[in-house]
């Protein structure tokens, strides 16, 4: 399908070699294939043909994000926004770039601007929630995820991250409801079964439910005993911290032969969706305001 799209765009450019939108669209297609150099060349041509084309700068910024050249991406998004003030996708993309360099304050500002210009921008609200969590603004993070869910009630990653925040603030029932929804939407998401088992069912002494979730998680390829050792320091340490005695069969499932010296408490960074660091190209965003 992508190769067919490139063939069609090649034909369009042969017929009209100053067709700016065709270069931008072909750059987006190259970006999707990971052909970053070709994508940048097409963006450069589009900019040379039309220096006032905000979409071309936005597209090139997205290619730079793909190459992890975030500061160069930000420079291009700056230009795109200067040329087109009410350009939500450029604000969103710049927010993603800021997030990738750890500048969460500016990311928050950009995600807010994106939602001002596009009020139904679920992905922007989702990433706004993530950025707020990174700066420990928990209530605002929950608000961001909740708004994203209101706009897209199939956005599994928003339920998952909100559920993890609910765990952080001691709202296990709310967390469990969110994890239930994630599993409904993504029945093969191994880490959610693991989180629900270890963070909800074990605390509630729901042994059969915990065992069922751990069994599914393990069957989906997750090294549950290794993760448990990393997250809690092993069965004995978990039982001591939580003042709980695990059922023998569950304790056996969670006992790792691998020695883990560093305990790392459950965090969003461990289990959140790993695709969120990508910006949006023009071809990927036909439903956005340009």
C-alpha atoms as a PDB file:
ATOM      1  CA  UNK A   1       0.000   0.000   0.000  1.00  0.00           C
ATOM      2  CA  UNK A   2       2.782   2.450   0.910  1.00  0.00           C
ATOM      3  CA  UNK A   3       4.779   1.548  -2.198  1.00  0.00           C
ATOM      4  CA  UNK A   4       1.686   2.116  -4.319  1.00  0.00           C
ATOM      5  CA  UNK A   5       1.257   5.531  -2.713  1.00  0.00           C
ATOM      6  CA  UNK A   6       4.875   6.413  -3.562  1.00  0.00           C
ATOM      7  CA  UNK A   7       4.340   5.305  -7.162  1.00  0.00           C
ATOM      8  CA  UNK A   8       1.248   7.514  -7.430  1.00  0.00           C
ATOM      9  CA  UNK A   9       3.096  10.494  -5.946  1.00  0.00           C
ATOM     10  CA  UNK A  10       6.077   9.909  -8.232  1.00  0.00           C
ATOM     11  CA  UNK A  11       3.689  10.083 -11.189  1.00  0.00           C
ATOM     12  CA  UNK A  12       2.075  13.258  -9.854  1.00  0.00           C
ATOM     13  CA  UNK A  13       5.496  14.917  -9.503  1.00  0.00           C
ATOM     14  CA  UNK A  14       6.565  13.839 -12.994  1.00  0.00           C
ATOM     15  CA  UNK A  15       3.431  15.424 -14.408  1.00  0.00           C
ATOM     16  CA  UNK A  16       3.869  18.599 -12.329  1.00  0.00           C
ATOM     17  CA  UNK A  17       7.324  19.063 -10.863  1.00  0.00           C
ATOM     18  CA  UNK A  18       6.297  22.096  -8.786  1.00  0.00           C
ATOM     19  CA  UNK A  19       3.451  20.250  -7.049  1.00  0.00           C
ATOM     20  CA  UNK A  20       4.244  21.217  -3.447  1.00  0.00           C
ATOM     21  CA  UNK A  21       1.630  19.048  -1.757  1.00  0.00           C
ATOM     22  CA  UNK A  22       2.845  15.979  -3.622  1.00  0.00           C
ATOM     23  CA  UNK A  23       6.355  16.463  -2.240  1.00  0.00           C
ATOM     24  CA  UNK A  24       4.952  16.911   1.268  1.00  0.00           C
ATOM     25  CA  UNK A  25       2.795  13.805   0.970  1.00  0.00           C
ATOM     26  CA  UNK A  26       5.646  11.739  -0.457  1.00  0.00           C
ATOM     27  CA  UNK A  27       7.834  12.904   2.431  1.00  0.00           C
ATOM     28  CA  UNK A  28       5.190  11.613   4.838  1.00  0.00           C
ATOM     29  CA  UNK A  29       5.161   8.273   3.052  1.00  0.00           C
ATOM     30  CA  UNK A  30       8.946   8.046   3.169  1.00  0.00           C
ATOM     31  CA  UNK A  31       8.767   8.920   6.869  1.00  0.00           C
ATOM     32  CA  UNK A  32       6.411   6.014   7.474  1.00  0.00           C
ATOM     33  CA  UNK A  33       8.947   3.718   5.779  1.00  0.00           C
ATOM     34  CA  UNK A  34      11.829   5.108   7.837  1.00  0.00           C
ATOM     35  CA  UNK A  35      13.504   6.625   4.777  1.00  0.00           C
ATOM     36  CA  UNK A  36      14.384   9.844   6.533  1.00  0.00           C
ATOM     37  CA  UNK A  37      16.911  11.239   4.056  1.00  0.00           C
ATOM     38  CA  UNK A  38      14.478  10.946   1.156  1.00  0.00           C
ATOM     39  CA  UNK A  39      11.751  12.501   3.282  1.00  0.00           C
ATOM     40  CA  UNK A  40      13.940  15.491   4.145  1.00  0.00           C
ATOM     41  CA  UNK A  41      14.892  15.966   0.495  1.00  0.00           C
ATOM     42  CA  UNK A  42      11.217  16.151  -0.445  1.00  0.00           C
ATOM     43  CA  UNK A  43      10.508  18.627   2.347  1.00  0.00           C
ATOM     44  CA  UNK A  44      13.460  20.745   1.232  1.00  0.00           C
ATOM     45  CA  UNK A  45      12.061  20.835  -2.307  1.00  0.00           C
ATOM     46  CA  UNK A  46       8.610  21.785  -1.030  1.00  0.00           C
ATOM     47  CA  UNK A  47      10.096  24.618   1.041  1.00  0.00           C
ATOM     48  CA  UNK A  48      12.202  25.824  -1.870  1.00  0.00           C
ATOM     49  CA  UNK A  49       9.061  25.933  -4.025  1.00  0.00           C
ATOM     50  CA  UNK A  50       6.986  27.664  -1.348  1.00  0.00           C
ATOM     51  CA  UNK A  51       8.834  29.249   1.572  1.00  0.00           C
ATOM     52  CA  UNK A  52       5.490  30.183   3.180  1.00  0.00           C
ATOM     53  CA  UNK A  53       4.238  26.583   3.333  1.00  0.00           C
ATOM     54  CA  UNK A  54       3.703  25.772   7.009  1.00  0.00           C
ATOM     55  CA  UNK A  55       2.867  22.137   6.214  1.00  0.00           C
ATOM     56  CA  UNK A  56       6.304  21.585   4.666  1.00  0.00           C
ATOM     57  CA  UNK A  57       8.098  22.806   7.793  1.00  0.00           C
ATOM     58  CA  UNK A  58       5.791  20.710   9.992  1.00  0.00           C
ATOM     59  CA  UNK A  59       6.500  17.645   7.883  1.00  0.00           C
ATOM     60  CA  UNK A  60      10.243  18.157   8.003  1.00  0.00           C
ATOM     61  CA  UNK A  61       9.997  18.603  11.752  1.00  0.00           C
ATOM     62  CA  UNK A  62       8.301  15.228  11.979  1.00  0.00           C
ATOM     63  CA  UNK A  63      11.132  13.654   9.997  1.00  0.00           C
ATOM     64  CA  UNK A  64      13.664  15.158  12.405  1.00  0.00           C
ATOM     65  CA  UNK A  65      11.680  13.679  15.305  1.00  0.00           C
ATOM     66  CA  UNK A  66      11.915  10.318  13.562  1.00  0.00           C
ATOM     67  CA  UNK A  67      15.692  10.808  13.454  1.00  0.00           C
ATOM     68  CA  UNK A  68      15.654  11.903  17.104  1.00  0.00           C
ATOM     69  CA  UNK A  69      17.004  15.335  16.152  1.00  0.00           C
ATOM     70  CA  UNK A  70      14.553  17.059  18.427  1.00  0.00           C
ATOM     71  CA  UNK A  71      16.060  20.550  18.499  1.00  0.00           C
ATOM     72  CA  UNK A  72      16.061  20.726  14.698  1.00  0.00           C
ATOM     73  CA  UNK A  73      12.467  19.528  14.763  1.00  0.00           C
ATOM     74  CA  UNK A  74      11.534  22.285  17.210  1.00  0.00           C
ATOM     75  CA  UNK A  75      13.123  24.870  14.905  1.00  0.00           C
ATOM     76  CA  UNK A  76      10.944  23.690  12.034  1.00  0.00           C
ATOM     77  CA  UNK A  77       7.801  23.612  14.144  1.00  0.00           C
ATOM     78  CA  UNK A  78       8.603  27.174  15.260  1.00  0.00           C
ATOM     79  CA  UNK A  79       8.569  28.282  11.632  1.00  0.00           C
ATOM     80  CA  UNK A  80       5.384  26.352  10.863  1.00  0.00           C
ATOM     81  CA  UNK A  81       3.627  28.066  13.776  1.00  0.00           C
ATOM     82  CA  UNK A  82       4.943  31.493  12.770  1.00  0.00           C
ATOM     83  CA  UNK A  83       3.475  30.950   9.317  1.00  0.00           C
ATOM     84  CA  UNK A  84       0.204  29.481  10.571  1.00  0.00           C
ATOM     85  CA  UNK A  85      -0.781  30.586  14.058  1.00  0.00           C
ATOM     86  CA  UNK A  86      -3.844  28.363  14.428  1.00  0.00           C
ATOM     87  CA  UNK A  87      -2.051  25.149  13.483  1.00  0.00           C
ATOM     88  CA  UNK A  88      -2.892  22.530  16.150  1.00  0.00           C
ATOM     89  CA  UNK A  89      -0.837  19.692  14.700  1.00  0.00           C
ATOM     90  CA  UNK A  90       2.325  21.818  14.733  1.00  0.00           C
ATOM     91  CA  UNK A  91       1.768  22.745  18.389  1.00  0.00           C
ATOM     92  CA  UNK A  92       1.130  19.076  19.169  1.00  0.00           C
ATOM     93  CA  UNK A  93       4.238  17.942  17.315  1.00  0.00           C
ATOM     94  CA  UNK A  94       6.398  20.566  19.000  1.00  0.00           C
ATOM     95  CA  UNK A  95       4.985  19.385  22.318  1.00  0.00           C
ATOM     96  CA  UNK A  96       6.116  15.851  21.455  1.00  0.00           C
ATOM     97  CA  UNK A  97       9.594  17.135  20.611  1.00  0.00           C
ATOM     98  CA  UNK A  98       9.774  19.081  23.876  1.00  0.00           C
ATOM     99  CA  UNK A  99       8.676  15.947  25.737  1.00  0.00           C
ATOM    100  CA  UNK A 100      11.498  13.965  24.171  1.00  0.00           C
ATOM    101  CA  UNK A 101      14.107  16.411  25.464  1.00  0.00           C
ATOM    102  CA  UNK A 102      12.533  16.568  28.919  1.00  0.00           C
ATOM    103  CA  UNK A 103      11.118  20.084  28.573  1.00  0.00           C
ATOM    104  CA  UNK A 104       7.721  19.252  30.016  1.00  0.00           C
ATOM    105  CA  UNK A 105       6.740  22.810  30.890  1.00  0.00           C
ATOM    106  CA  UNK A 106       6.878  23.931  27.255  1.00  0.00           C
ATOM    107  CA  UNK A 107       5.303  20.643  26.166  1.00  0.00           C
ATOM    108  CA  UNK A 108       2.330  21.370  28.423  1.00  0.00           C
ATOM    109  CA  UNK A 109       1.940  24.824  26.896  1.00  0.00           C
ATOM    110  CA  UNK A 110       1.977  23.400  23.378  1.00  0.00           C
ATOM    111  CA  UNK A 111      -0.478  20.588  24.081  1.00  0.00           C
ATOM    112  CA  UNK A 112      -2.826  23.158  25.627  1.00  0.00           C
ATOM    113  CA  UNK A 113      -2.532  25.347  22.525  1.00  0.00           C
ATOM    114  CA  UNK A 114      -3.230  22.345  20.311  1.00  0.00           C
ATOM    115  CA  UNK A 115      -6.447  21.650  22.214  1.00  0.00           C
ATOM    116  CA  UNK A 116      -7.476  25.304  22.042  1.00  0.00           C
ATOM    117  CA  UNK A 117      -7.369  25.214  18.257  1.00  0.00           C
ATOM    118  CA  UNK A 118      -8.739  21.670  17.987  1.00  0.00           C
ATOM    119  CA  UNK A 119     -11.018  20.988  20.919  1.00  0.00           C
ATOM    120  CA  UNK A 120     -11.562  17.292  20.068  1.00  0.00           C
ATOM    121  CA  UNK A 121      -7.839  16.477  19.896  1.00  0.00           C
ATOM    122  CA  UNK A 122      -7.774  13.329  22.041  1.00  0.00           C
ATOM    123  CA  UNK A 123      -4.070  12.592  21.463  1.00  0.00           C
ATOM    124  CA  UNK A 124      -3.140  16.093  22.583  1.00  0.00           C
ATOM    125  CA  UNK A 125      -5.110  15.693  25.817  1.00  0.00           C
ATOM    126  CA  UNK A 126      -3.486  12.295  26.338  1.00  0.00           C
ATOM    127  CA  UNK A 127       0.018  13.702  25.967  1.00  0.00           C
ATOM    128  CA  UNK A 128      -0.968  16.676  28.110  1.00  0.00           C
ATOM    129  CA  UNK A 129      -1.818  14.182  30.837  1.00  0.00           C
ATOM    130  CA  UNK A 130       1.564  12.477  30.425  1.00  0.00           C
ATOM    131  CA  UNK A 131       3.443  15.770  30.620  1.00  0.00           C
ATOM    132  CA  UNK A 132       1.559  16.844  33.750  1.00  0.00           C
ATOM    133  CA  UNK A 133       2.429  13.535  35.383  1.00  0.00           C
ATOM    134  CA  UNK A 134       6.113  14.021  34.579  1.00  0.00           C
ATOM    135  CA  UNK A 135       6.100  17.237  36.621  1.00  0.00           C
ATOM    136  CA  UNK A 136       4.069  15.549  39.382  1.00  0.00           C
ATOM    137  CA  UNK A 137       0.851  17.451  38.702  1.00  0.00           C
ATOM    138  CA  UNK A 138      -1.227  14.376  39.388  1.00  0.00           C
ATOM    139  CA  UNK A 139      -4.696  15.924  39.399  1.00  0.00           C
ATOM    140  CA  UNK A 140      -4.038  17.676  36.092  1.00  0.00           C
ATOM    141  CA  UNK A 141      -2.648  14.458  34.646  1.00  0.00           C
ATOM    142  CA  UNK A 142      -5.867  12.661  35.533  1.00  0.00           C
ATOM    143  CA  UNK A 143      -7.857  15.501  33.961  1.00  0.00           C
ATOM    144  CA  UNK A 144      -5.871  15.181  30.739  1.00  0.00           C
ATOM    145  CA  UNK A 145      -6.383  11.431  30.491  1.00  0.00           C
ATOM    146  CA  UNK A 146     -10.052  11.734  31.400  1.00  0.00           C
ATOM    147  CA  UNK A 147     -10.655  14.311  28.677  1.00  0.00           C
ATOM    148  CA  UNK A 148      -8.830  12.121  26.160  1.00  0.00           C
ATOM    149  CA  UNK A 149     -11.093   9.211  27.128  1.00  0.00           C
ATOM    150  CA  UNK A 150     -14.205  11.381  26.811  1.00  0.00           C
ATOM    151  CA  UNK A 151     -13.154  12.203  23.253  1.00  0.00           C
ATOM    152  CA  UNK A 152     -12.031   8.677  22.374  1.00  0.00           C
ATOM    153  CA  UNK A 153     -13.406   5.993  24.663  1.00  0.00           C
ATOM    154  CA  UNK A 154     -11.300   3.350  22.892  1.00  0.00           C
ATOM    155  CA  UNK A 155      -8.001   5.036  23.775  1.00  0.00           C
ATOM    156  CA  UNK A 156      -6.561   2.147  25.762  1.00  0.00           C
ATOM    157  CA  UNK A 157      -3.286   3.852  26.662  1.00  0.00           C
ATOM    158  CA  UNK A 158      -5.176   6.674  28.384  1.00  0.00           C
ATOM    159  CA  UNK A 159      -7.061   4.199  30.584  1.00  0.00           C
ATOM    160  CA  UNK A 160      -3.809   2.395  31.353  1.00  0.00           C
ATOM    161  CA  UNK A 161      -1.855   5.490  32.364  1.00  0.00           C
ATOM    162  CA  UNK A 162      -4.763   6.877  34.353  1.00  0.00           C
ATOM    163  CA  UNK A 163      -5.055   3.523  36.101  1.00  0.00           C
ATOM    164  CA  UNK A 164      -1.391   3.628  37.072  1.00  0.00           C
ATOM    165  CA  UNK A 165      -1.866   7.120  38.492  1.00  0.00           C
ATOM    166  CA  UNK A 166      -4.858   5.896  40.490  1.00  0.00           C
ATOM    167  CA  UNK A 167      -2.530   3.258  41.960  1.00  0.00           C
ATOM    168  CA  UNK A 168      -0.061   5.975  42.943  1.00  0.00           C
ATOM    169  CA  UNK A 169      -2.745   7.835  44.891  1.00  0.00           C
ATOM    170  CA  UNK A 170      -4.230   4.732  46.507  1.00  0.00           C
ATOM    171  CA  UNK A 171      -7.408   4.445  44.423  1.00  0.00           C
ATOM    172  CA  UNK A 172      -7.202   0.720  43.701  1.00  0.00           C
ATOM    173  CA  UNK A 173     -10.870   0.348  42.742  1.00  0.00           C
ATOM    174  CA  UNK A 174     -10.646   3.094  40.138  1.00  0.00           C
ATOM    175  CA  UNK A 175      -7.370   1.668  38.893  1.00  0.00           C
ATOM    176  CA  UNK A 176      -8.920  -1.771  38.550  1.00  0.00           C
ATOM    177  CA  UNK A 177     -11.807  -0.365  36.509  1.00  0.00           C
ATOM    178  CA  UNK A 178      -9.353   1.311  34.142  1.00  0.00           C
ATOM    179  CA  UNK A 179      -7.267  -1.857  33.769  1.00  0.00           C
ATOM    180  CA  UNK A 180     -10.450  -3.824  33.065  1.00  0.00           C
ATOM    181  CA  UNK A 181     -11.175  -1.452  30.202  1.00  0.00           C
ATOM    182  CA  UNK A 182      -7.643  -1.764  28.840  1.00  0.00           C
ATOM    183  CA  UNK A 183      -7.930  -5.550  28.766  1.00  0.00           C
ATOM    184  CA  UNK A 184     -11.322  -5.286  27.100  1.00  0.00           C
ATOM    185  CA  UNK A 185      -9.776  -3.131  24.369  1.00  0.00           C
ATOM    186  CA  UNK A 186      -6.383  -4.890  24.225  1.00  0.00           C
ATOM    187  CA  UNK A 187      -6.835  -8.508  25.338  1.00  0.00           C
ATOM    188  CA  UNK A 188      -3.199  -9.335  24.509  1.00  0.00           C
ATOM    189  CA  UNK A 189      -1.634  -6.535  26.572  1.00  0.00           C
ATOM    190  CA  UNK A 190       0.496  -8.669  28.879  1.00  0.00           C
ATOM    191  CA  UNK A 191       1.691  -5.889  31.160  1.00  0.00           C
ATOM    192  CA  UNK A 192      -1.844  -4.813  32.092  1.00  0.00           C
ATOM    193  CA  UNK A 193      -2.684  -8.318  33.316  1.00  0.00           C
ATOM    194  CA  UNK A 194       0.522  -8.233  35.376  1.00  0.00           C
ATOM    195  CA  UNK A 195      -0.236  -4.799  36.839  1.00  0.00           C
ATOM    196  CA  UNK A 196      -3.827  -5.722  37.674  1.00  0.00           C
ATOM    197  CA  UNK A 197      -2.679  -8.942  39.328  1.00  0.00           C
ATOM    198  CA  UNK A 198       0.131  -7.479  41.427  1.00  0.00           C
ATOM    199  CA  UNK A 199      -1.316  -4.061  42.188  1.00  0.00           C
ATOM    200  CA  UNK A 200      -5.036  -4.805  42.548  1.00  0.00           C
ATOM    201  CA  UNK A 201      -5.885  -8.479  43.067  1.00  0.00           C
ATOM    202  CA  UNK A 202      -2.997  -9.352  45.397  1.00  0.00           C
ATOM    203  CA  UNK A 203      -3.745  -6.382  47.627  1.00  0.00           C
ATOM    204  CA  UNK A 204      -7.381  -7.442  47.776  1.00  0.00           C
ATOM    205  CA  UNK A 205      -6.402 -11.072  48.390  1.00  0.00           C
ATOM    206  CA  UNK A 206      -8.296 -12.102  45.277  1.00  0.00           C
ATOM    207  CA  UNK A 207      -6.029 -15.094  44.778  1.00  0.00           C
ATOM    208  CA  UNK A 208      -7.821 -16.796  41.899  1.00  0.00           C
ATOM    209  CA  UNK A 209      -8.137 -13.561  39.939  1.00  0.00           C
ATOM    210  CA  UNK A 210      -4.492 -12.765  40.560  1.00  0.00           C
ATOM    211  CA  UNK A 211      -3.413 -16.227  39.471  1.00  0.00           C
ATOM    212  CA  UNK A 212      -5.549 -16.033  36.333  1.00  0.00           C
ATOM    213  CA  UNK A 213      -4.047 -12.670  35.337  1.00  0.00           C
ATOM    214  CA  UNK A 214      -0.505 -13.831  36.050  1.00  0.00           C
ATOM    215  CA  UNK A 215      -1.087 -16.960  34.002  1.00  0.00           C
ATOM    216  CA  UNK A 216      -2.324 -14.951  31.034  1.00  0.00           C
ATOM    217  CA  UNK A 217       0.509 -12.445  31.358  1.00  0.00           C
ATOM    218  CA  UNK A 218       3.078 -15.233  31.407  1.00  0.00           C
ATOM    219  CA  UNK A 219       1.442 -16.981  28.444  1.00  0.00           C
ATOM    220  CA  UNK A 220       1.761 -13.720  26.497  1.00  0.00           C
ATOM    221  CA  UNK A 221       5.519 -13.748  27.022  1.00  0.00           C
ATOM    222  CA  UNK A 222       6.044 -11.547  30.060  1.00  0.00           C
ATOM    223  CA  UNK A 223       8.740 -12.622  32.521  1.00  0.00           C
ATOM    224  CA  UNK A 224       6.495 -12.065  35.512  1.00  0.00           C
ATOM    225  CA  UNK A 225       8.892 -13.336  38.181  1.00  0.00           C
ATOM    226  CA  UNK A 226      11.722 -11.136  36.904  1.00  0.00           C
ATOM    227  CA  UNK A 227       9.443  -8.096  36.796  1.00  0.00           C
ATOM    228  CA  UNK A 228       8.129  -8.821  40.271  1.00  0.00           C
ATOM    229  CA  UNK A 229      11.664  -9.048  41.605  1.00  0.00           C
ATOM    230  CA  UNK A 230      12.518  -5.735  39.953  1.00  0.00           C
ATOM    231  CA  UNK A 231       9.366  -3.947  41.095  1.00  0.00           C
ATOM    232  CA  UNK A 232       9.172  -5.252  44.659  1.00  0.00           C
ATOM    233  CA  UNK A 233      12.439  -6.974  45.490  1.00  0.00           C
ATOM    234  CA  UNK A 234      10.886 -10.432  45.472  1.00  0.00           C
ATOM    235  CA  UNK A 235       8.116 -12.255  47.289  1.00  0.00           C
ATOM    236  CA  UNK A 236       9.496 -11.889  50.810  1.00  0.00           C
ATOM    237  CA  UNK A 237      10.003  -8.156  50.449  1.00  0.00           C
ATOM    238  CA  UNK A 238       6.533  -7.707  48.937  1.00  0.00           C
ATOM    239  CA  UNK A 239       4.921  -9.592  51.796  1.00  0.00           C
ATOM    240  CA  UNK A 240       6.812  -7.505  54.319  1.00  0.00           C
ATOM    241  CA  UNK A 241       5.983  -4.172  52.659  1.00  0.00           C
ATOM    242  CA  UNK A 242       2.302  -4.996  52.166  1.00  0.00           C
ATOM    243  CA  UNK A 243       1.828  -6.961  55.404  1.00  0.00           C
ATOM    244  CA  UNK A 244       0.346  -9.795  53.419  1.00  0.00           C
ATOM    245  CA  UNK A 245       1.030 -13.510  52.987  1.00  0.00           C
ATOM    246  CA  UNK A 246       0.777 -14.715  49.393  1.00  0.00           C
ATOM    247  CA  UNK A 247      -0.812 -18.030  48.603  1.00  0.00           C
ATOM    248  CA  UNK A 248       1.892 -20.624  48.018  1.00  0.00           C
ATOM    249  CA  UNK A 249       1.157 -21.285  44.339  1.00  0.00           C
ATOM    250  CA  UNK A 250       1.164 -17.572  43.545  1.00  0.00           C
ATOM    251  CA  UNK A 251       4.366 -17.028  45.500  1.00  0.00           C
ATOM    252  CA  UNK A 252       5.949 -19.775  43.417  1.00  0.00           C
ATOM    253  CA  UNK A 253       4.847 -18.098  40.182  1.00  0.00           C
ATOM    254  CA  UNK A 254       6.448 -14.837  41.310  1.00  0.00           C
ATOM    255  CA  UNK A 255       9.705 -16.261  42.623  1.00  0.00           C
ATOM    256  CA  UNK A 256      12.582 -15.515  40.294  1.00  0.00           C
ATOM    257  CA  UNK A 257      15.831 -17.435  40.113  1.00  0.00           C
ATOM    258  CA  UNK A 258      17.460 -14.283  38.764  1.00  0.00           C
ATOM    259  CA  UNK A 259      18.886 -12.024  41.455  1.00  0.00           C
ATOM    260  CA  UNK A 260      17.693  -8.437  41.172  1.00  0.00           C
ATOM    261  CA  UNK A 261      19.616  -6.012  43.389  1.00  0.00           C
ATOM    262  CA  UNK A 262      17.825  -2.822  42.385  1.00  0.00           C
ATOM    263  CA  UNK A 263      14.172  -2.390  43.285  1.00  0.00           C
ATOM    264  CA  UNK A 264      12.272  -0.102  40.942  1.00  0.00           C
ATOM    265  CA  UNK A 265       8.793   0.861  42.081  1.00  0.00           C
ATOM    266  CA  UNK A 266       6.063   0.703  39.452  1.00  0.00           C
ATOM    267  CA  UNK A 267       5.974   3.812  37.292  1.00  0.00           C
ATOM    268  CA  UNK A 268       4.363   5.099  34.137  1.00  0.00           C
ATOM    269  CA  UNK A 269       7.710   4.935  32.378  1.00  0.00           C
ATOM    270  CA  UNK A 270       7.862   1.166  32.896  1.00  0.00           C
ATOM    271  CA  UNK A 271       4.518   0.262  31.388  1.00  0.00           C
ATOM    272  CA  UNK A 272       3.194   3.102  29.287  1.00  0.00           C
ATOM    273  CA  UNK A 273       2.744   2.819  25.551  1.00  0.00           C
ATOM    274  CA  UNK A 274       6.133   3.200  23.855  1.00  0.00           C
ATOM    275  CA  UNK A 275       4.813   4.739  20.637  1.00  0.00           C
ATOM    276  CA  UNK A 276       3.954   8.102  22.148  1.00  0.00           C
ATOM    277  CA  UNK A 277       7.268   9.716  21.295  1.00  0.00           C
ATOM    278  CA  UNK A 278       6.323  10.033  17.635  1.00  0.00           C
ATOM    279  CA  UNK A 279       5.069  13.222  16.070  1.00  0.00           C
ATOM    280  CA  UNK A 280       2.336  13.320  13.464  1.00  0.00           C
ATOM    281  CA  UNK A 281       3.104  13.724   9.790  1.00  0.00           C
ATOM    282  CA  UNK A 282       0.836  15.407   7.276  1.00  0.00           C
ATOM    283  CA  UNK A 283      -0.291  12.140   5.696  1.00  0.00           C
ATOM    284  CA  UNK A 284      -1.111  10.736   9.126  1.00  0.00           C
ATOM    285  CA  UNK A 285      -3.295  13.678  10.094  1.00  0.00           C
ATOM    286  CA  UNK A 286      -5.931  14.217   7.457  1.00  0.00           C
ATOM    287  CA  UNK A 287      -8.513  14.886  10.178  1.00  0.00           C
ATOM    288  CA  UNK A 288      -6.550  17.737  11.751  1.00  0.00           C
ATOM    289  CA  UNK A 289      -6.888  21.420  11.068  1.00  0.00           C
ATOM    290  CA  UNK A 290      -4.117  22.667   8.762  1.00  0.00           C
END
